[in-house]
Amino acid sequence: MIQVSKLLPQGQGLAPVLLKRATTIELDWDVRQKSRFAATDSAGRELGIFLPRGTLVRGGDVLVAEDGSMVRVVAAPQPVLVITHCSSHGTAFDLTRAAYHLGNRHVPIELQPDHLKIEPDHVLADMLRAMHLIVNEQNLPFEPEGGAYAAGHVGGHHHSHHEEHGHSHGQAHDHSHDHAHDRAHTDAPHAATPATRGRTVSIPVVAQGHVHGPNCNHDH
């Protein structure tokens, strides 16, 4: 068995020609959320993966074996529930509500602009349909959010904020404060301006009823 203990998120830094030479392993989410597991790559080699605890393996990641060979991870299709809003009677905001309720139940969710994915659960499916959402069973790769503080990259999105968002505040704020201050300041001390504090306002969200039409594909 060949030991693997290094992961390159999305093959970062590798030339395309090296990625083409890499063998592959196809893994579902149940395996990819583990940091230690065994697998067989496309060349028939037995691999023992030993990654730092808490590491999430994503489709497109590259594993580096102890012999220097590389293995590209493919997210295997698996049974999932695909959740979309009813275009005839609902809005895209319904998906936000669904994600909120699913998150309260600590359900792994893949977030997409126009749909959500979760693992099959008939109780949750009934709850979502009662919220006027459309729920369909499909066989697709599953890449749920890993959490803001999870080890490894989250949802397949990986970049350095130091590189992408670096900028100099010295240039942006380089100006003189001498202008007009002599005229505006007097010997009398200024009265302290009280800091304004916001207050939290609870906005209840109530499920809206609607009349079902022929194109509305969800049940209650």
N, C-alpha and C. Protein backbone atom coordinates (compact mmCIF):
# COMPACT_ATOMS: atom_id res chain seq x y z
N MET A 1 0.85 -1.20 0.00
CA MET A 1 0.00 0.00 0.00
C MET A 1 0.88 1.25 0.00
N ILE A 2 0.53 2.19 -0.87
CA ILE A 2 1.29 3.44 -0.98
C ILE A 2 0.66 4.48 -0.06
N GLN A 3 1.48 5.13 0.74
CA GLN A 3 0.96 6.12 1.69
C GLN A 3 0.88 7.50 1.04
N VAL A 4 -0.23 8.18 1.35
CA VAL A 4 -0.45 9.55 0.86
C VAL A 4 -0.69 10.43 2.06
N SER A 5 0.08 11.51 2.18
CA SER A 5 -0.08 12.40 3.34
C SER A 5 -0.07 13.88 2.96
N LYS A 6 -0.16 14.17 1.67
CA LYS A 6 -0.14 15.57 1.23
C LYS A 6 -1.28 15.82 0.27
N LEU A 7 -1.92 16.98 0.39
CA LEU A 7 -3.03 17.36 -0.49
C LEU A 7 -2.78 18.75 -1.06
N LEU A 8 -2.96 18.88 -2.37
CA LEU A 8 -2.87 20.18 -3.05
C LEU A 8 -4.29 20.59 -3.46
N PRO A 9 -4.87 21.61 -2.79
CA PRO A 9 -6.23 22.02 -3.13
C PRO A 9 -6.36 22.40 -4.60
N GLN A 10 -7.23 21.70 -5.31
CA GLN A 10 -7.49 21.94 -6.73
C GLN A 10 -6.22 21.88 -7.58
N GLY A 11 -5.21 21.13 -7.12
CA GLY A 11 -3.97 21.01 -7.87
C GLY A 11 -3.21 22.31 -8.00
N GLN A 12 -3.36 23.15 -6.97
CA GLN A 12 -2.76 24.49 -7.02
C GLN A 12 -1.26 24.44 -7.28
N GLY A 13 -0.82 25.20 -8.28
CA GLY A 13 0.59 25.30 -8.61
C GLY A 13 1.10 24.25 -9.57
N LEU A 14 0.25 23.29 -9.96
CA LEU A 14 0.69 22.24 -10.86
C LEU A 14 0.42 22.61 -12.32
N ALA A 15 1.33 22.26 -13.18
CA ALA A 15 1.14 22.50 -14.61
C ALA A 15 0.08 21.54 -15.15
N PRO A 16 -0.71 21.97 -16.13
CA PRO A 16 -1.76 21.11 -16.70
C PRO A 16 -1.23 19.76 -17.18
N VAL A 17 0.00 19.73 -17.70
CA VAL A 17 0.55 18.47 -18.21
C VAL A 17 0.74 17.47 -17.07
N LEU A 18 1.07 17.95 -15.88
CA LEU A 18 1.22 17.06 -14.72
C LEU A 18 -0.12 16.52 -14.26
N LEU A 19 -1.15 17.37 -14.33
CA LEU A 19 -2.49 16.92 -13.93
C LEU A 19 -2.99 15.84 -14.87
N LYS A 20 -2.66 15.95 -16.16
CA LYS A 20 -3.10 14.95 -17.12
C LYS A 20 -2.45 13.59 -16.86
N ARG A 21 -1.24 13.62 -16.34
CA ARG A 21 -0.52 12.37 -16.08
C ARG A 21 -0.99 11.70 -14.78
N ALA A 22 -1.65 12.44 -13.92
CA ALA A 22 -2.03 11.90 -12.61
C ALA A 22 -3.10 10.82 -12.76
N THR A 23 -3.02 9.81 -11.92
CA THR A 23 -4.10 8.83 -11.85
C THR A 23 -5.28 9.47 -11.12
N THR A 24 -6.39 8.79 -11.06
CA THR A 24 -7.58 9.35 -10.42
C THR A 24 -8.17 8.36 -9.42
N ILE A 25 -8.90 8.91 -8.46
CA ILE A 25 -9.74 8.11 -7.57
C ILE A 25 -11.09 8.80 -7.48
N GLU A 26 -12.15 8.01 -7.54
CA GLU A 26 -13.51 8.54 -7.49
C GLU A 26 -14.09 8.22 -6.11
N LEU A 27 -14.43 9.28 -5.37
CA LEU A 27 -14.86 9.12 -3.98
C LEU A 27 -16.14 9.91 -3.74
N ASP A 28 -17.06 9.34 -2.97
CA ASP A 28 -18.26 10.09 -2.60
C ASP A 28 -17.97 10.92 -1.35
N TRP A 29 -18.96 11.72 -0.93
CA TRP A 29 -18.75 12.65 0.17
C TRP A 29 -18.50 11.92 1.49
N ASP A 30 -19.12 10.78 1.67
CA ASP A 30 -18.95 10.05 2.92
C ASP A 30 -17.49 9.72 3.16
N VAL A 31 -16.74 9.43 2.09
CA VAL A 31 -15.31 9.14 2.22
C VAL A 31 -14.49 10.42 2.25
N ARG A 32 -14.84 11.39 1.42
CA ARG A 32 -14.02 12.60 1.28
C ARG A 32 -14.03 13.50 2.52
N GLN A 33 -15.00 13.31 3.41
CA GLN A 33 -15.01 14.12 4.63
C GLN A 33 -14.13 13.51 5.72
N LYS A 34 -13.52 12.35 5.42
CA LYS A 34 -12.62 11.70 6.37
C LYS A 34 -11.17 12.05 6.03
N SER A 35 -10.33 12.08 7.04
CA SER A 35 -8.92 12.40 6.81
C SER A 35 -8.06 11.15 6.69
N ARG A 36 -8.63 9.98 7.02
CA ARG A 36 -7.88 8.72 6.91
C ARG A 36 -8.79 7.67 6.27
N PHE A 37 -8.36 7.16 5.12
CA PHE A 37 -9.15 6.14 4.44
C PHE A 37 -8.26 5.42 3.41
N ALA A 38 -8.74 4.30 2.93
CA ALA A 38 -8.04 3.53 1.90
C ALA A 38 -8.82 3.66 0.59
N ALA A 39 -8.10 3.62 -0.52
CA ALA A 39 -8.73 3.74 -1.83
C ALA A 39 -7.85 3.08 -2.88
N THR A 40 -8.45 2.80 -4.03
CA THR A 40 -7.72 2.22 -5.16
C THR A 40 -7.80 3.21 -6.32
N ASP A 41 -6.66 3.60 -6.87
CA ASP A 41 -6.68 4.59 -7.96
C ASP A 41 -6.94 3.91 -9.30
N SER A 42 -6.98 4.73 -10.36
CA SER A 42 -7.31 4.23 -11.69
C SER A 42 -6.25 3.31 -12.26
N ALA A 43 -5.07 3.29 -11.66
CA ALA A 43 -4.01 2.37 -12.09
C ALA A 43 -4.02 1.08 -11.28
N GLY A 44 -5.00 0.93 -10.38
CA GLY A 44 -5.10 -0.27 -9.58
C GLY A 44 -4.22 -0.29 -8.35
N ARG A 45 -3.61 0.83 -8.00
CA ARG A 45 -2.73 0.88 -6.84
C ARG A 45 -3.55 1.07 -5.56
N GLU A 46 -3.17 0.36 -4.51
CA GLU A 46 -3.81 0.51 -3.21
C GLU A 46 -3.17 1.69 -2.48
N LEU A 47 -4.02 2.64 -2.07
CA LEU A 47 -3.53 3.85 -1.41
C LEU A 47 -4.03 3.90 0.03
N GLY A 48 -3.16 4.37 0.92
CA GLY A 48 -3.55 4.65 2.29
C GLY A 48 -3.43 6.14 2.52
N ILE A 49 -4.55 6.84 2.69
CA ILE A 49 -4.54 8.29 2.82
C ILE A 49 -4.52 8.66 4.30
N PHE A 50 -3.52 9.46 4.67
CA PHE A 50 -3.36 9.93 6.05
C PHE A 50 -3.14 11.44 6.02
N LEU A 51 -4.22 12.20 6.10
CA LEU A 51 -4.17 13.65 6.04
C LEU A 51 -4.38 14.24 7.43
N PRO A 52 -4.02 15.51 7.64
CA PRO A 52 -4.28 16.14 8.94
C PRO A 52 -5.75 16.04 9.31
N ARG A 53 -6.02 15.77 10.58
CA ARG A 53 -7.40 15.60 11.02
C ARG A 53 -8.22 16.86 10.73
N GLY A 54 -9.43 16.64 10.25
CA GLY A 54 -10.32 17.75 9.91
C GLY A 54 -10.23 18.18 8.46
N THR A 55 -9.29 17.59 7.70
CA THR A 55 -9.15 17.95 6.28
C THR A 55 -10.32 17.40 5.48
N LEU A 56 -10.89 18.25 4.63
CA LEU A 56 -11.95 17.84 3.72
C LEU A 56 -11.36 17.70 2.32
N VAL A 57 -11.62 16.59 1.69
CA VAL A 57 -11.10 16.34 0.33
C VAL A 57 -12.20 16.69 -0.66
N ARG A 58 -11.87 17.54 -1.62
CA ARG A 58 -12.84 18.01 -2.62
C ARG A 58 -12.52 17.45 -3.99
N GLY A 59 -13.54 17.35 -4.83
CA GLY A 59 -13.32 16.98 -6.21
C GLY A 59 -12.39 17.99 -6.88
N GLY A 60 -11.36 17.51 -7.56
CA GLY A 60 -10.39 18.41 -8.18
C GLY A 60 -9.11 18.55 -7.37
N ASP A 61 -9.14 18.14 -6.09
CA ASP A 61 -7.92 18.17 -5.29
C ASP A 61 -6.94 17.12 -5.82
N VAL A 62 -5.67 17.34 -5.53
CA VAL A 62 -4.64 16.39 -5.95
C VAL A 62 -3.91 15.87 -4.71
N LEU A 63 -3.83 14.56 -4.58
CA LEU A 63 -3.09 13.91 -3.51
C LEU A 63 -1.69 13.57 -4.00
N VAL A 64 -0.71 13.77 -3.15
CA VAL A 64 0.68 13.47 -3.50
C VAL A 64 1.13 12.28 -2.65
N ALA A 65 1.53 11.19 -3.32
CA ALA A 65 1.93 9.97 -2.64
C ALA A 65 3.38 10.06 -2.19
N GLU A 66 3.78 9.11 -1.34
CA GLU A 66 5.14 9.11 -0.80
C GLU A 66 6.19 8.89 -1.88
N ASP A 67 5.81 8.29 -3.01
CA ASP A 67 6.77 8.07 -4.09
C ASP A 67 6.80 9.25 -5.07
N GLY A 68 6.06 10.32 -4.74
CA GLY A 68 6.04 11.51 -5.60
C GLY A 68 4.96 11.51 -6.66
N SER A 69 4.27 10.39 -6.83
CA SER A 69 3.20 10.33 -7.83
C SER A 69 1.99 11.10 -7.34
N MET A 70 1.16 11.52 -8.28
CA MET A 70 -0.01 12.34 -7.96
C MET A 70 -1.30 11.63 -8.34
N VAL A 71 -2.32 11.88 -7.54
CA VAL A 71 -3.63 11.27 -7.75
C VAL A 71 -4.68 12.36 -7.68
N ARG A 72 -5.44 12.52 -8.76
CA ARG A 72 -6.49 13.55 -8.79
C ARG A 72 -7.80 12.96 -8.28
N VAL A 73 -8.45 13.71 -7.40
CA VAL A 73 -9.70 13.26 -6.78
C VAL A 73 -10.88 13.67 -7.65
N VAL A 74 -11.77 12.72 -7.90
CA VAL A 74 -13.02 12.98 -8.63
C VAL A 74 -14.18 12.77 -7.66
N ALA A 75 -15.06 13.77 -7.56
CA ALA A 75 -16.24 13.64 -6.70
C ALA A 75 -17.23 12.70 -7.37
N ALA A 76 -17.46 11.55 -6.76
CA ALA A 76 -18.33 10.54 -7.36
C ALA A 76 -19.79 10.95 -7.27
N PRO A 77 -20.58 10.70 -8.31
CA PRO A 77 -22.03 10.93 -8.21
C PRO A 77 -22.63 10.07 -7.11
N GLN A 78 -23.60 10.61 -6.39
CA GLN A 78 -24.24 9.90 -5.31
C GLN A 78 -25.68 10.40 -5.18
N PRO A 79 -26.55 9.65 -4.52
CA PRO A 79 -27.93 10.11 -4.36
C PRO A 79 -28.00 11.41 -3.54
N VAL A 80 -28.68 12.40 -4.07
CA VAL A 80 -28.87 13.67 -3.38
C VAL A 80 -30.29 14.18 -3.64
N LEU A 81 -30.72 15.11 -2.80
CA LEU A 81 -31.97 15.83 -3.03
C LEU A 81 -31.62 17.21 -3.57
N VAL A 82 -32.13 17.55 -4.74
CA VAL A 82 -31.90 18.85 -5.35
C VAL A 82 -33.12 19.72 -5.07
N ILE A 83 -32.90 20.87 -4.44
CA ILE A 83 -33.98 21.73 -3.97
C ILE A 83 -33.98 23.01 -4.79
N THR A 84 -35.10 23.32 -5.41
CA THR A 84 -35.25 24.56 -6.18
C THR A 84 -36.54 25.25 -5.74
N HIS A 85 -36.64 26.54 -6.07
CA HIS A 85 -37.87 27.25 -5.70
C HIS A 85 -38.91 27.10 -6.81
N CYS A 86 -40.15 27.27 -6.45
CA CYS A 86 -41.24 27.18 -7.42
C CYS A 86 -41.31 28.50 -8.18
N SER A 87 -40.95 28.47 -9.45
CA SER A 87 -40.92 29.71 -10.24
C SER A 87 -42.30 30.30 -10.47
N SER A 88 -43.34 29.47 -10.36
CA SER A 88 -44.70 29.96 -10.61
C SER A 88 -45.28 30.70 -9.41
N HIS A 89 -44.92 30.25 -8.19
CA HIS A 89 -45.56 30.81 -7.01
C HIS A 89 -44.59 31.28 -5.94
N GLY A 90 -43.28 31.02 -6.12
CA GLY A 90 -42.31 31.41 -5.11
C GLY A 90 -41.25 32.32 -5.68
N THR A 91 -40.21 32.56 -4.88
CA THR A 91 -39.08 33.39 -5.30
C THR A 91 -37.79 32.69 -4.87
N ALA A 92 -36.66 33.22 -5.36
CA ALA A 92 -35.37 32.65 -4.98
C ALA A 92 -35.11 32.79 -3.49
N PHE A 93 -35.80 33.73 -2.84
CA PHE A 93 -35.64 33.90 -1.39
C PHE A 93 -36.08 32.65 -0.63
N ASP A 94 -36.95 31.86 -1.22
CA ASP A 94 -37.38 30.62 -0.57
C ASP A 94 -36.19 29.70 -0.30
N LEU A 95 -35.17 29.74 -1.17
CA LEU A 95 -33.98 28.93 -0.95
C LEU A 95 -33.19 29.41 0.27
N THR A 96 -33.20 30.73 0.49
CA THR A 96 -32.54 31.27 1.68
C THR A 96 -33.22 30.77 2.94
N ARG A 97 -34.54 30.77 2.93
CA ARG A 97 -35.29 30.27 4.07
C ARG A 97 -35.01 28.78 4.30
N ALA A 98 -34.94 28.03 3.20
CA ALA A 98 -34.67 26.60 3.31
C ALA A 98 -33.28 26.36 3.90
N ALA A 99 -32.28 27.11 3.42
CA ALA A 99 -30.92 26.96 3.93
C ALA A 99 -30.86 27.29 5.42
N TYR A 100 -31.63 28.29 5.84
CA TYR A 100 -31.67 28.66 7.26
C TYR A 100 -32.20 27.51 8.11
N HIS A 101 -33.32 26.93 7.70
CA HIS A 101 -33.92 25.85 8.48
C HIS A 101 -33.07 24.59 8.45
N LEU A 102 -32.45 24.30 7.31
CA LEU A 102 -31.57 23.14 7.23
C LEU A 102 -30.31 23.34 8.08
N GLY A 103 -29.80 24.56 8.06
CA GLY A 103 -28.62 24.87 8.88
C GLY A 103 -28.90 24.72 10.36
N ASN A 104 -30.12 25.09 10.78
CA ASN A 104 -30.50 24.92 12.18
C ASN A 104 -30.48 23.45 12.59
N ARG A 105 -30.64 22.58 11.61
CA ARG A 105 -30.62 21.14 11.89
C ARG A 105 -29.25 20.52 11.62
N HIS A 106 -28.26 21.39 11.36
CA HIS A 106 -26.87 20.95 11.13
C HIS A 106 -26.78 19.93 9.99
N VAL A 107 -27.53 20.20 8.94
CA VAL A 107 -27.53 19.32 7.78
C VAL A 107 -26.46 19.79 6.79
N PRO A 108 -25.57 18.92 6.31
CA PRO A 108 -24.62 19.33 5.27
C PRO A 108 -25.37 19.79 4.02
N ILE A 109 -25.02 20.99 3.52
CA ILE A 109 -25.73 21.58 2.39
C ILE A 109 -24.73 22.05 1.34
N GLU A 110 -24.99 21.72 0.10
CA GLU A 110 -24.25 22.34 -1.00
C GLU A 110 -25.06 23.54 -1.47
N LEU A 111 -24.44 24.71 -1.45
CA LEU A 111 -25.11 25.95 -1.82
C LEU A 111 -24.75 26.35 -3.25
N GLN A 112 -25.75 26.54 -4.07
CA GLN A 112 -25.58 27.02 -5.43
C GLN A 112 -26.51 28.21 -5.64
N PRO A 113 -26.23 29.07 -6.62
CA PRO A 113 -27.06 30.26 -6.82
C PRO A 113 -28.54 29.95 -7.07
N ASP A 114 -28.82 28.82 -7.72
CA ASP A 114 -30.21 28.55 -8.09
C ASP A 114 -30.77 27.26 -7.47
N HIS A 115 -29.99 26.60 -6.60
CA HIS A 115 -30.50 25.38 -5.96
C HIS A 115 -29.65 25.00 -4.76
N LEU A 116 -30.18 24.11 -3.96
CA LEU A 116 -29.45 23.52 -2.84
C LEU A 116 -29.38 22.01 -3.05
N LYS A 117 -28.40 21.38 -2.42
CA LYS A 117 -28.32 19.92 -2.43
C LYS A 117 -28.13 19.44 -1.00
N ILE A 118 -28.84 18.37 -0.64
CA ILE A 118 -28.61 17.71 0.63
C ILE A 118 -28.64 16.20 0.39
N GLU A 119 -28.19 15.44 1.37
CA GLU A 119 -28.28 13.99 1.27
C GLU A 119 -29.72 13.56 1.50
N PRO A 120 -30.13 12.42 0.95
CA PRO A 120 -31.53 12.01 1.03
C PRO A 120 -32.03 11.89 2.48
N ASP A 121 -33.21 12.47 2.70
CA ASP A 121 -33.87 12.40 4.01
C ASP A 121 -35.35 12.69 3.77
N HIS A 122 -36.22 11.69 3.94
CA HIS A 122 -37.62 11.87 3.58
C HIS A 122 -38.32 12.86 4.51
N VAL A 123 -37.88 12.96 5.77
CA VAL A 123 -38.49 13.92 6.70
C VAL A 123 -38.19 15.35 6.26
N LEU A 124 -36.92 15.61 5.91
CA LEU A 124 -36.55 16.94 5.43
C LEU A 124 -37.20 17.24 4.09
N ALA A 125 -37.32 16.24 3.23
CA ALA A 125 -37.97 16.45 1.93
C ALA A 125 -39.41 16.90 2.13
N ASP A 126 -40.12 16.26 3.06
CA ASP A 126 -41.51 16.66 3.33
C ASP A 126 -41.57 18.07 3.89
N MET A 127 -40.63 18.42 4.77
CA MET A 127 -40.60 19.77 5.33
C MET A 127 -40.41 20.82 4.23
N LEU A 128 -39.49 20.53 3.32
CA LEU A 128 -39.19 21.49 2.25
C LEU A 128 -40.36 21.63 1.28
N ARG A 129 -41.04 20.54 0.97
CA ARG A 129 -42.20 20.61 0.10
C ARG A 129 -43.32 21.40 0.76
N ALA A 130 -43.43 21.29 2.09
CA ALA A 130 -44.44 22.06 2.81
C ALA A 130 -44.13 23.56 2.77
N MET A 131 -42.86 23.90 2.51
CA MET A 131 -42.44 25.30 2.37
C MET A 131 -42.55 25.76 0.91
N HIS A 132 -43.26 24.97 0.08
CA HIS A 132 -43.50 25.31 -1.33
C HIS A 132 -42.24 25.25 -2.18
N LEU A 133 -41.29 24.39 -1.78
CA LEU A 133 -40.09 24.18 -2.58
C LEU A 133 -40.21 22.88 -3.37
N ILE A 134 -39.47 22.80 -4.47
CA ILE A 134 -39.48 21.62 -5.32
C ILE A 134 -38.28 20.76 -4.95
N VAL A 135 -38.52 19.50 -4.64
CA VAL A 135 -37.47 18.58 -4.21
C VAL A 135 -37.43 17.38 -5.15
N ASN A 136 -36.29 17.16 -5.78
CA ASN A 136 -36.13 16.04 -6.71
C ASN A 136 -34.92 15.20 -6.32
N GLU A 137 -35.05 13.89 -6.42
CA GLU A 137 -33.93 13.00 -6.17
C GLU A 137 -33.11 12.85 -7.44
N GLN A 138 -31.78 13.02 -7.31
CA GLN A 138 -30.89 12.87 -8.46
C GLN A 138 -29.60 12.19 -8.00
N ASN A 139 -28.78 11.80 -8.96
CA ASN A 139 -27.49 11.18 -8.70
C ASN A 139 -26.40 12.13 -9.20
N LEU A 140 -25.79 12.88 -8.28
CA LEU A 140 -24.85 13.94 -8.66
C LEU A 140 -23.72 14.01 -7.65
N PRO A 141 -22.59 14.62 -8.03
CA PRO A 141 -21.54 14.87 -7.04
C PRO A 141 -22.05 15.81 -5.95
N PHE A 142 -21.56 15.62 -4.73
CA PHE A 142 -22.02 16.40 -3.59
C PHE A 142 -20.84 17.10 -2.94
N GLU A 143 -20.89 18.44 -2.90
CA GLU A 143 -19.81 19.25 -2.32
C GLU A 143 -20.40 20.23 -1.30
N PRO A 144 -20.75 19.76 -0.11
CA PRO A 144 -21.36 20.66 0.87
C PRO A 144 -20.37 21.65 1.45
N GLU A 145 -20.90 22.72 2.05
CA GLU A 145 -20.06 23.69 2.74
C GLU A 145 -19.35 23.02 3.91
N GLY A 146 -18.09 23.41 4.13
CA GLY A 146 -17.31 22.79 5.19
C GLY A 146 -17.28 23.58 6.47
N GLY A 147 -17.86 24.79 6.47
CA GLY A 147 -17.81 25.63 7.67
C GLY A 147 -16.68 26.63 7.57
N ALA A 148 -16.89 27.80 8.14
CA ALA A 148 -15.91 28.88 8.02
C ALA A 148 -14.58 28.56 8.69
N TYR A 149 -14.61 27.68 9.70
CA TYR A 149 -13.39 27.37 10.43
C TYR A 149 -12.90 25.95 10.19
N ALA A 150 -13.45 25.29 9.17
CA ALA A 150 -13.04 23.91 8.90
C ALA A 150 -11.62 23.89 8.35
N ALA A 151 -10.89 22.83 8.67
CA ALA A 151 -9.55 22.67 8.11
C ALA A 151 -9.67 22.40 6.62
N GLY A 152 -8.74 22.92 5.85
CA GLY A 152 -8.83 22.75 4.40
C GLY A 152 -9.71 23.84 3.81
N HIS A 153 -10.00 23.73 2.51
CA HIS A 153 -10.76 24.75 1.83
C HIS A 153 -12.24 24.47 1.97
N VAL A 154 -13.05 25.49 1.79
CA VAL A 154 -14.49 25.39 2.01
C VAL A 154 -15.21 25.41 0.68
N GLY A 155 -16.02 24.38 0.45
CA GLY A 155 -16.83 24.35 -0.75
C GLY A 155 -16.04 24.41 -2.03
N GLY A 156 -14.79 23.97 -2.01
CA GLY A 156 -13.99 23.98 -3.23
C GLY A 156 -13.44 25.34 -3.57
N HIS A 157 -13.65 26.36 -2.72
CA HIS A 157 -13.21 27.72 -3.01
C HIS A 157 -11.95 27.99 -2.22
N HIS A 158 -10.84 28.23 -2.92
CA HIS A 158 -9.57 28.38 -2.23
C HIS A 158 -8.79 29.51 -2.86
N HIS A 159 -8.44 30.50 -2.05
CA HIS A 159 -7.52 31.52 -2.51
C HIS A 159 -6.94 32.24 -1.31
N SER A 160 -5.91 32.99 -1.55
CA SER A 160 -5.27 33.73 -0.47
C SER A 160 -5.81 35.14 -0.43
N HIS A 161 -6.37 35.53 0.71
CA HIS A 161 -6.87 36.89 0.84
C HIS A 161 -5.74 37.90 0.88
N HIS A 162 -4.56 37.44 1.28
CA HIS A 162 -3.43 38.37 1.29
C HIS A 162 -3.04 38.75 -0.13
N GLU A 163 -3.19 37.79 -1.05
CA GLU A 163 -2.81 38.07 -2.43
C GLU A 163 -3.92 38.78 -3.18
N GLU A 164 -5.16 38.33 -2.96
CA GLU A 164 -6.25 38.84 -3.78
C GLU A 164 -6.71 40.23 -3.34
N HIS A 165 -6.63 40.49 -2.02
CA HIS A 165 -7.23 41.72 -1.52
C HIS A 165 -6.22 42.67 -0.91
N GLY A 166 -4.94 42.45 -1.23
CA GLY A 166 -3.94 43.32 -0.65
C GLY A 166 -3.97 44.70 -1.28
N HIS A 167 -3.88 45.73 -0.45
CA HIS A 167 -3.78 47.09 -0.96
C HIS A 167 -3.18 47.96 0.13
N SER A 168 -2.68 49.09 -0.26
CA SER A 168 -2.01 49.97 0.68
C SER A 168 -2.96 51.04 1.17
N HIS A 169 -3.16 51.09 2.46
CA HIS A 169 -3.99 52.15 3.01
C HIS A 169 -3.23 53.47 3.06
N GLY A 170 -1.89 53.36 3.01
CA GLY A 170 -1.12 54.60 3.05
C GLY A 170 -1.39 55.47 1.84
N GLN A 171 -1.55 54.84 0.66
CA GLN A 171 -1.82 55.61 -0.54
C GLN A 171 -3.25 56.12 -0.58
N ALA A 172 -4.16 55.28 -0.12
CA ALA A 172 -5.56 55.65 -0.21
C ALA A 172 -5.91 56.79 0.73
N HIS A 173 -5.17 56.94 1.85
CA HIS A 173 -5.56 57.92 2.86
C HIS A 173 -4.47 58.98 3.06
N ASP A 174 -3.65 59.18 2.06
CA ASP A 174 -2.56 60.13 2.17
C ASP A 174 -3.06 61.52 1.84
N HIS A 175 -3.47 62.28 2.87
CA HIS A 175 -3.85 63.65 2.64
C HIS A 175 -3.62 64.42 3.93
N SER A 176 -3.57 65.73 3.82
CA SER A 176 -3.25 66.57 4.97
C SER A 176 -4.50 66.92 5.74
N HIS A 177 -4.41 66.87 7.05
CA HIS A 177 -5.53 67.26 7.90
C HIS A 177 -5.42 68.71 8.35
N ASP A 178 -4.47 69.48 7.78
CA ASP A 178 -4.31 70.87 8.20
C ASP A 178 -5.41 71.77 7.65
N HIS A 179 -6.04 71.37 6.56
CA HIS A 179 -6.99 72.25 5.90
C HIS A 179 -8.21 72.48 6.76
N ALA A 180 -8.55 73.75 6.96
CA ALA A 180 -9.78 74.20 7.61
C ALA A 180 -9.84 73.88 9.09
N HIS A 181 -8.83 73.19 9.65
CA HIS A 181 -8.91 72.84 11.06
C HIS A 181 -8.65 74.06 11.95
N ASP A 182 -7.77 74.97 11.51
CA ASP A 182 -7.49 76.16 12.31
C ASP A 182 -8.73 77.01 12.45
N ARG A 183 -9.53 77.06 11.37
CA ARG A 183 -10.74 77.88 11.42
C ARG A 183 -11.83 77.19 12.21
N ALA A 184 -11.87 75.84 12.15
CA ALA A 184 -12.97 75.12 12.77
C ALA A 184 -12.76 74.93 14.26
N HIS A 185 -11.48 74.89 14.72
CA HIS A 185 -11.20 74.62 16.13
C HIS A 185 -11.14 75.93 16.91
N THR A 186 -11.73 75.95 18.08
CA THR A 186 -11.65 77.09 19.00
C THR A 186 -11.06 76.60 20.29
N ASP A 187 -10.82 77.53 21.22
CA ASP A 187 -10.25 77.16 22.51
C ASP A 187 -11.24 76.38 23.36
N ALA A 188 -12.54 76.54 23.09
CA ALA A 188 -13.53 75.83 23.89
C ALA A 188 -13.53 74.37 23.51
N PRO A 189 -13.59 73.50 24.53
CA PRO A 189 -13.61 72.06 24.20
C PRO A 189 -14.89 71.67 23.52
N HIS A 190 -14.79 70.72 22.62
CA HIS A 190 -15.96 70.23 21.91
C HIS A 190 -16.75 69.32 22.82
N ALA A 191 -18.06 69.38 22.71
CA ALA A 191 -18.91 68.44 23.45
C ALA A 191 -18.78 67.07 22.81
N ALA A 192 -18.66 66.08 23.66
CA ALA A 192 -18.52 64.72 23.14
C ALA A 192 -19.80 64.29 22.43
N THR A 193 -19.62 63.72 21.23
CA THR A 193 -20.78 63.25 20.47
C THR A 193 -21.09 61.82 20.86
N PRO A 194 -22.26 61.56 21.40
CA PRO A 194 -22.57 60.18 21.81
C PRO A 194 -22.58 59.24 20.62
N ALA A 195 -22.02 58.07 20.82
CA ALA A 195 -21.99 57.07 19.74
C ALA A 195 -23.38 56.48 19.56
N THR A 196 -23.77 56.39 18.30
CA THR A 196 -25.06 55.79 18.02
C THR A 196 -24.93 54.29 18.02
N ARG A 197 -25.89 53.63 18.60
CA ARG A 197 -25.85 52.17 18.65
C ARG A 197 -27.09 51.63 17.98
N GLY A 198 -26.87 50.64 17.13
CA GLY A 198 -28.00 50.03 16.45
C GLY A 198 -28.72 49.07 17.38
N ARG A 199 -29.94 48.78 17.08
CA ARG A 199 -30.68 47.81 17.85
C ARG A 199 -31.20 46.73 16.92
N THR A 200 -31.27 45.55 17.42
CA THR A 200 -31.70 44.41 16.62
C THR A 200 -33.21 44.42 16.48
N VAL A 201 -33.66 44.29 15.26
CA VAL A 201 -35.10 44.24 14.99
C VAL A 201 -35.43 42.88 14.43
N SER A 202 -36.30 42.18 15.09
CA SER A 202 -36.70 40.85 14.62
C SER A 202 -37.76 40.98 13.55
N ILE A 203 -37.52 40.38 12.41
CA ILE A 203 -38.47 40.42 11.30
C ILE A 203 -39.00 39.03 11.09
N PRO A 204 -40.21 38.76 11.52
CA PRO A 204 -40.76 37.40 11.35
C PRO A 204 -40.96 37.06 9.89
N VAL A 205 -40.65 35.83 9.54
CA VAL A 205 -40.86 35.33 8.18
C VAL A 205 -42.00 34.35 8.22
N VAL A 206 -43.05 34.63 7.51
CA VAL A 206 -44.24 33.79 7.52
C VAL A 206 -44.39 33.15 6.16
N ALA A 207 -44.57 31.85 6.14
CA ALA A 207 -44.77 31.16 4.87
C ALA A 207 -46.05 31.66 4.21
N GLN A 208 -45.95 32.02 2.95
CA GLN A 208 -47.08 32.55 2.23
C GLN A 208 -47.79 31.45 1.46
N GLY A 209 -49.06 31.40 1.61
CA GLY A 209 -49.84 30.42 0.85
C GLY A 209 -49.96 30.83 -0.60
N HIS A 210 -50.33 29.90 -1.46
CA HIS A 210 -50.53 30.24 -2.86
C HIS A 210 -51.45 29.20 -3.48
N VAL A 211 -51.92 29.56 -4.64
CA VAL A 211 -52.79 28.66 -5.39
C VAL A 211 -51.94 27.84 -6.34
N HIS A 212 -52.04 26.53 -6.28
CA HIS A 212 -51.22 25.67 -7.12
C HIS A 212 -51.74 25.68 -8.56
N GLY A 213 -50.81 25.83 -9.47
CA GLY A 213 -51.15 25.78 -10.88
C GLY A 213 -50.70 24.48 -11.50
N PRO A 214 -50.94 24.29 -12.76
CA PRO A 214 -50.58 23.02 -13.42
C PRO A 214 -49.08 22.80 -13.52
N ASN A 215 -48.28 23.90 -13.45
CA ASN A 215 -46.83 23.76 -13.60
C ASN A 215 -46.10 23.77 -12.28
N CYS A 216 -46.82 23.74 -11.20
CA CYS A 216 -46.19 23.79 -9.88
C CYS A 216 -45.90 22.36 -9.41
N ASN A 217 -44.64 21.98 -9.44
CA ASN A 217 -44.26 20.58 -9.22
C ASN A 217 -43.82 20.35 -7.78
N HIS A 218 -44.74 20.53 -6.82
CA HIS A 218 -44.46 20.13 -5.45
C HIS A 218 -45.76 19.78 -4.74
N ASP A 219 -45.65 18.90 -3.75
CA ASP A 219 -46.82 18.42 -3.02
C ASP A 219 -46.78 18.94 -1.59
N HIS A 220 -47.86 18.76 -0.88
CA HIS A 220 -47.93 19.10 0.54
C HIS A 220 -48.21 17.82 1.30
